[in-house]
Every structure is written in C-alpha cells, then in structure tokens.
Amino acid sequence: MKLSLHCTINMQEVLRELLSGRGIEVEEEASVCLVEAGCDVPEDKIAILFDIKNLGCLIELLDKLGRVGKDCPNTMIGKSKDESYQIIALPKVFYFEARGNNVFCIAAAASDKLIREYKIKEKLYELEVRLPQNHFLRVGKSYIVNIDNVNEIIPWFGRRLILRFVDGKREIEVSRNYVKNLKEFLGM
C-alpha cells in the first residue's frame, strides 16, 4: 500500500518511520493521503485526517491497513485421494461442497486439464468468512462457488438456477433460497 503525507516536517519523519515499519510506502502520487489537523486537505485524494493527540488511533488504523490481504491468503491446503497434501490456488477452485461431516474443494489441478477433489479441514461457514467475498459466494446449504469459474447460468424449474463451470462438465443447482443473493451479487 502507498500513502502520501500532508503534515508538518517533524510529523513527516515520525510518519515515515511508522509507515515503513508496517510495509507502507510513502509516495506523493498515492491516491490516499494522511493529513495532519491544520494542514490542507487535498481535494483529489482520499484523506485520513488525524490530530497528534490521536496518534495512537492512527497507529492502530495503520496496523489494520498493513494486514489487509494477509488474513486472506491466495492458497489453501487440501488432502488428495492419495493422502498427499496439495497447495490449491484459490483462482483454480471451482467450488466447495459439504458432504456429511466433510468439506471438499473441487479445483483444477496444476496442469489445468484435470479437475481434482481435495478434502479440506474448514467448514463451509468458516470458508464464507475466509474467502474473498468478491469471488466466492454461497449458493446452497452445501455449496460455495468461485464465480470466476462459472461459464453459464441456466434458468431451471421452480425459480432455481443451474451454474455450469468452465470445464463444461460440472454443474451445481442454486437453491431458491440463494437465487436472490446470486442475482444481487452479479447485478442481474
């Protein structure tokens, strides 16, 4: 992440040190700006206004900003049928399916030609919180799908929908209770 600074010279030194320790770069062209109370607020940037008295709150905010993206890694671990553990890239995931007490991840293998099934330790409700919500969506009691790997949405009987994935073979039914959420997610 990059931030610009609009503050006194003394505060610039303090902020540069605080930011560099959190992996945040200071760059004049950044679209987000830290603005010390009493300094000019730029009109063309998002401004975070702070007062020296509230420096502790600013540090807390910077710590949270520095963690964005780290709590949601782009991979997960799954156990394949041969009992080996595999690293699964989230963009390759088609969907997660709950069967009994187990959750399975259906994903393209590293070769991109084979679709594999991996057993994972998380429950669906845990995945809903962990997965990037701009790509993954719950579409039934037993399914969370990666919408990026859906190729076709087919209207079905009883106001339900069928999702067909990019491999052309796999399909999932969206239950009536989740159709509205899917349509809102897609802007339909």
Protein backbone atom coordinates (compact mmCIF):
# COMPACT_ATOMS: atom_id res chain seq x y z
CA MET A 1 0.00 0.00 0.00
CA LYS A 2 1.12 3.55 -0.71
CA LEU A 3 0.19 6.77 1.08
CA SER A 4 1.08 10.42 0.60
CA LEU A 5 1.61 12.81 3.52
CA HIS A 6 0.30 16.32 4.18
CA CYS A 7 1.74 17.31 7.54
CA THR A 8 4.44 19.31 9.31
CA ILE A 9 8.10 18.42 8.66
CA ASN A 10 8.55 17.00 12.18
CA MET A 11 5.47 14.79 11.78
CA GLN A 12 6.67 13.62 8.34
CA GLU A 13 9.73 12.00 9.93
CA VAL A 14 7.59 10.24 12.55
CA LEU A 15 5.05 9.05 10.00
CA ARG A 16 7.67 7.81 7.53
CA GLU A 17 9.17 5.67 10.28
CA LEU A 18 5.76 4.36 11.39
CA LEU A 19 4.73 3.56 7.81
CA SER A 20 7.97 1.90 6.74
CA GLY A 21 7.78 -0.39 9.77
CA ARG A 22 4.37 -1.54 8.55
CA GLY A 23 5.37 -2.09 4.94
CA ILE A 24 3.50 1.01 3.73
CA GLU A 25 5.33 3.19 1.19
CA VAL A 26 5.22 7.00 1.14
CA GLU A 27 4.65 8.29 -2.39
CA GLU A 28 3.44 11.75 -3.40
CA GLU A 29 1.22 10.38 -6.19
CA ALA A 30 -0.63 7.91 -3.92
CA SER A 31 -4.43 8.19 -4.01
CA VAL A 32 -4.76 8.04 -0.20
CA CYS A 33 -3.28 10.77 1.96
CA LEU A 34 -2.58 11.12 5.69
CA VAL A 35 -3.42 14.70 6.67
CA GLU A 36 -2.42 16.26 9.98
CA ALA A 37 -5.05 18.54 11.51
CA GLY A 38 -4.38 22.12 10.43
CA CYS A 39 -2.81 21.16 7.08
CA ASP A 40 -4.50 21.48 3.70
CA VAL A 41 -6.72 18.55 2.69
CA PRO A 42 -6.16 17.59 -0.97
CA GLU A 43 -9.37 17.52 -3.00
CA ASP A 44 -8.23 14.85 -5.47
CA LYS A 45 -7.34 12.17 -2.88
CA ILE A 46 -8.94 10.13 -0.15
CA ALA A 47 -7.83 11.83 3.07
CA ILE A 48 -7.32 10.34 6.51
CA LEU A 49 -7.36 13.33 8.88
CA PHE A 50 -5.63 12.92 12.24
CA ASP A 51 -4.60 15.01 15.21
CA ILE A 52 -1.32 14.48 17.07
CA LYS A 53 -3.40 13.75 20.21
CA ASN A 54 -4.92 10.74 18.40
CA LEU A 55 -1.67 9.29 17.10
CA GLY A 56 -2.43 6.00 18.89
CA CYS A 57 -5.66 5.59 16.88
CA LEU A 58 -3.77 6.35 13.68
CA ILE A 59 -1.17 3.68 14.51
CA GLU A 60 -3.97 1.18 15.15
CA LEU A 61 -5.53 2.03 11.77
CA LEU A 62 -2.17 1.70 10.01
CA ASP A 63 -1.67 -1.72 11.60
CA LYS A 64 -5.03 -2.84 10.25
CA LEU A 65 -4.27 -1.44 6.78
CA GLY A 66 -0.92 -3.22 6.80
CA ARG A 67 -2.67 -6.53 7.43
CA VAL A 68 -5.21 -6.19 4.60
CA GLY A 69 -4.84 -9.16 2.30
CA LYS A 70 -2.64 -11.10 4.72
CA ASP A 71 -5.62 -12.59 6.55
CA CYS A 72 -6.91 -13.96 3.26
CA PRO A 73 -4.13 -15.86 1.53
CA ASN A 74 -4.47 -16.82 -2.12
CA THR A 75 -3.91 -20.52 -1.41
CA MET A 76 -5.19 -23.25 0.85
CA ILE A 77 -4.17 -26.80 1.74
CA GLY A 78 -6.19 -29.83 0.70
CA LYS A 79 -5.76 -33.57 1.03
CA SER A 80 -5.99 -35.53 -2.21
CA LYS A 81 -7.33 -39.09 -2.61
CA ASP A 82 -3.79 -40.50 -2.44
CA GLU A 83 -3.50 -38.91 1.06
CA SER A 84 -0.91 -36.33 -0.05
CA TYR A 85 -1.37 -32.66 0.83
CA GLN A 86 -1.65 -30.21 -2.03
CA ILE A 87 -1.44 -26.44 -2.20
CA ILE A 88 -4.53 -25.18 -4.01
CA ALA A 89 -4.56 -21.75 -5.65
CA LEU A 90 -7.93 -20.07 -4.96
CA PRO A 91 -8.37 -18.90 -8.58
CA LYS A 92 -8.32 -22.58 -9.65
CA VAL A 93 -11.16 -23.51 -7.26
CA PHE A 94 -14.50 -24.25 -8.93
CA TYR A 95 -16.49 -24.78 -5.73
CA PHE A 96 -16.56 -26.13 -2.20
CA GLU A 97 -19.04 -28.85 -1.34
CA ALA A 98 -20.14 -30.14 2.06
CA ARG A 99 -20.89 -33.88 2.16
CA GLY A 100 -21.76 -35.27 5.55
CA ASN A 101 -19.18 -34.02 8.05
CA ASN A 102 -16.57 -33.31 5.37
CA VAL A 103 -15.92 -30.40 3.03
CA PHE A 104 -14.36 -30.94 -0.38
CA CYS A 105 -12.71 -28.48 -2.72
CA ILE A 106 -13.22 -29.10 -6.44
CA ALA A 107 -10.39 -27.40 -8.32
CA ALA A 108 -8.32 -27.53 -11.50
CA ALA A 109 -5.04 -29.35 -11.00
CA ALA A 110 -1.75 -27.62 -11.68
CA SER A 111 -1.87 -28.91 -15.25
CA ASP A 112 -5.24 -27.11 -15.73
CA LYS A 113 -6.59 -30.10 -17.66
CA LEU A 114 -7.72 -32.28 -14.77
CA ILE A 115 -10.31 -31.43 -12.16
CA ARG A 116 -9.42 -32.82 -8.74
CA GLU A 117 -11.22 -33.19 -5.45
CA TYR A 118 -9.47 -32.31 -2.20
CA LYS A 119 -10.69 -32.77 1.35
CA ILE A 120 -10.18 -29.65 3.45
CA LYS A 121 -10.37 -29.10 7.19
CA GLU A 122 -12.53 -25.96 7.25
CA LYS A 123 -16.33 -26.00 7.41
CA LEU A 124 -18.39 -24.01 4.89
CA TYR A 125 -19.28 -21.32 7.41
CA GLU A 126 -15.56 -20.82 8.13
CA LEU A 127 -14.80 -20.60 4.41
CA GLU A 128 -17.50 -17.96 3.93
CA VAL A 129 -15.59 -15.67 6.29
CA ARG A 130 -12.10 -16.54 5.00
CA LEU A 131 -12.60 -16.46 1.22
CA PRO A 132 -12.54 -13.23 -0.83
CA GLN A 133 -16.18 -12.18 -0.96
CA ASN A 134 -15.81 -10.58 -4.38
CA HIS A 135 -15.12 -14.03 -5.92
CA PHE A 136 -16.80 -16.64 -3.70
CA LEU A 137 -20.50 -16.91 -2.95
CA ARG A 138 -22.71 -19.34 -1.04
CA VAL A 139 -25.31 -20.75 -3.45
CA GLY A 140 -26.82 -23.50 -1.33
CA LYS A 141 -26.71 -25.22 2.01
CA SER A 142 -23.83 -27.36 0.75
CA TYR A 143 -22.05 -25.15 -1.82
CA ILE A 144 -19.78 -22.12 -2.10
CA VAL A 145 -18.76 -21.32 -5.68
CA ASN A 146 -15.95 -19.34 -7.25
CA ILE A 147 -18.00 -17.17 -9.58
CA ASP A 148 -14.93 -16.55 -11.76
CA ASN A 149 -15.07 -20.19 -12.90
CA VAL A 150 -18.77 -20.19 -13.77
CA ASN A 151 -19.25 -20.21 -17.52
CA GLU A 152 -23.04 -20.27 -17.83
CA ILE A 153 -26.14 -19.61 -15.70
CA ILE A 154 -29.17 -21.60 -16.80
CA PRO A 155 -32.73 -20.86 -15.59
CA TRP A 156 -34.26 -24.02 -14.12
CA PHE A 157 -37.62 -25.23 -12.82
CA GLY A 158 -39.15 -23.62 -9.73
CA ARG A 159 -37.15 -20.37 -9.98
CA ARG A 160 -33.89 -22.20 -9.46
CA LEU A 161 -30.70 -21.76 -11.45
CA ILE A 162 -28.01 -24.13 -12.70
CA LEU A 163 -24.39 -22.97 -12.73
CA ARG A 164 -22.21 -24.61 -15.37
CA PHE A 165 -18.47 -24.32 -14.87
CA VAL A 166 -15.74 -23.54 -17.37
CA ASP A 167 -14.82 -27.21 -17.80
CA GLY A 168 -18.26 -27.74 -19.38
CA LYS A 169 -18.89 -30.87 -17.30
CA ARG A 170 -19.63 -29.73 -13.78
CA GLU A 171 -22.94 -28.18 -12.78
CA ILE A 172 -24.44 -27.03 -9.48
CA GLU A 173 -28.02 -26.15 -8.72
CA VAL A 174 -28.59 -22.84 -6.92
CA SER A 175 -31.41 -23.41 -4.45
CA ARG A 176 -34.34 -21.00 -4.40
CA ASN A 177 -33.23 -19.53 -1.06
CA TYR A 178 -29.94 -18.38 -2.63
CA VAL A 179 -31.07 -17.21 -6.09
CA LYS A 180 -31.74 -13.66 -4.92
CA ASN A 181 -28.24 -13.38 -3.39
CA LEU A 182 -26.65 -14.65 -6.61
CA LYS A 183 -28.60 -12.19 -8.75
CA GLU A 184 -27.65 -9.28 -6.47
CA PHE A 185 -24.01 -10.39 -6.47
CA LEU A 186 -23.98 -10.44 -10.29
CA GLY A 187 -26.12 -7.30 -10.68
CA MET A 188 -28.85 -9.20 -12.56
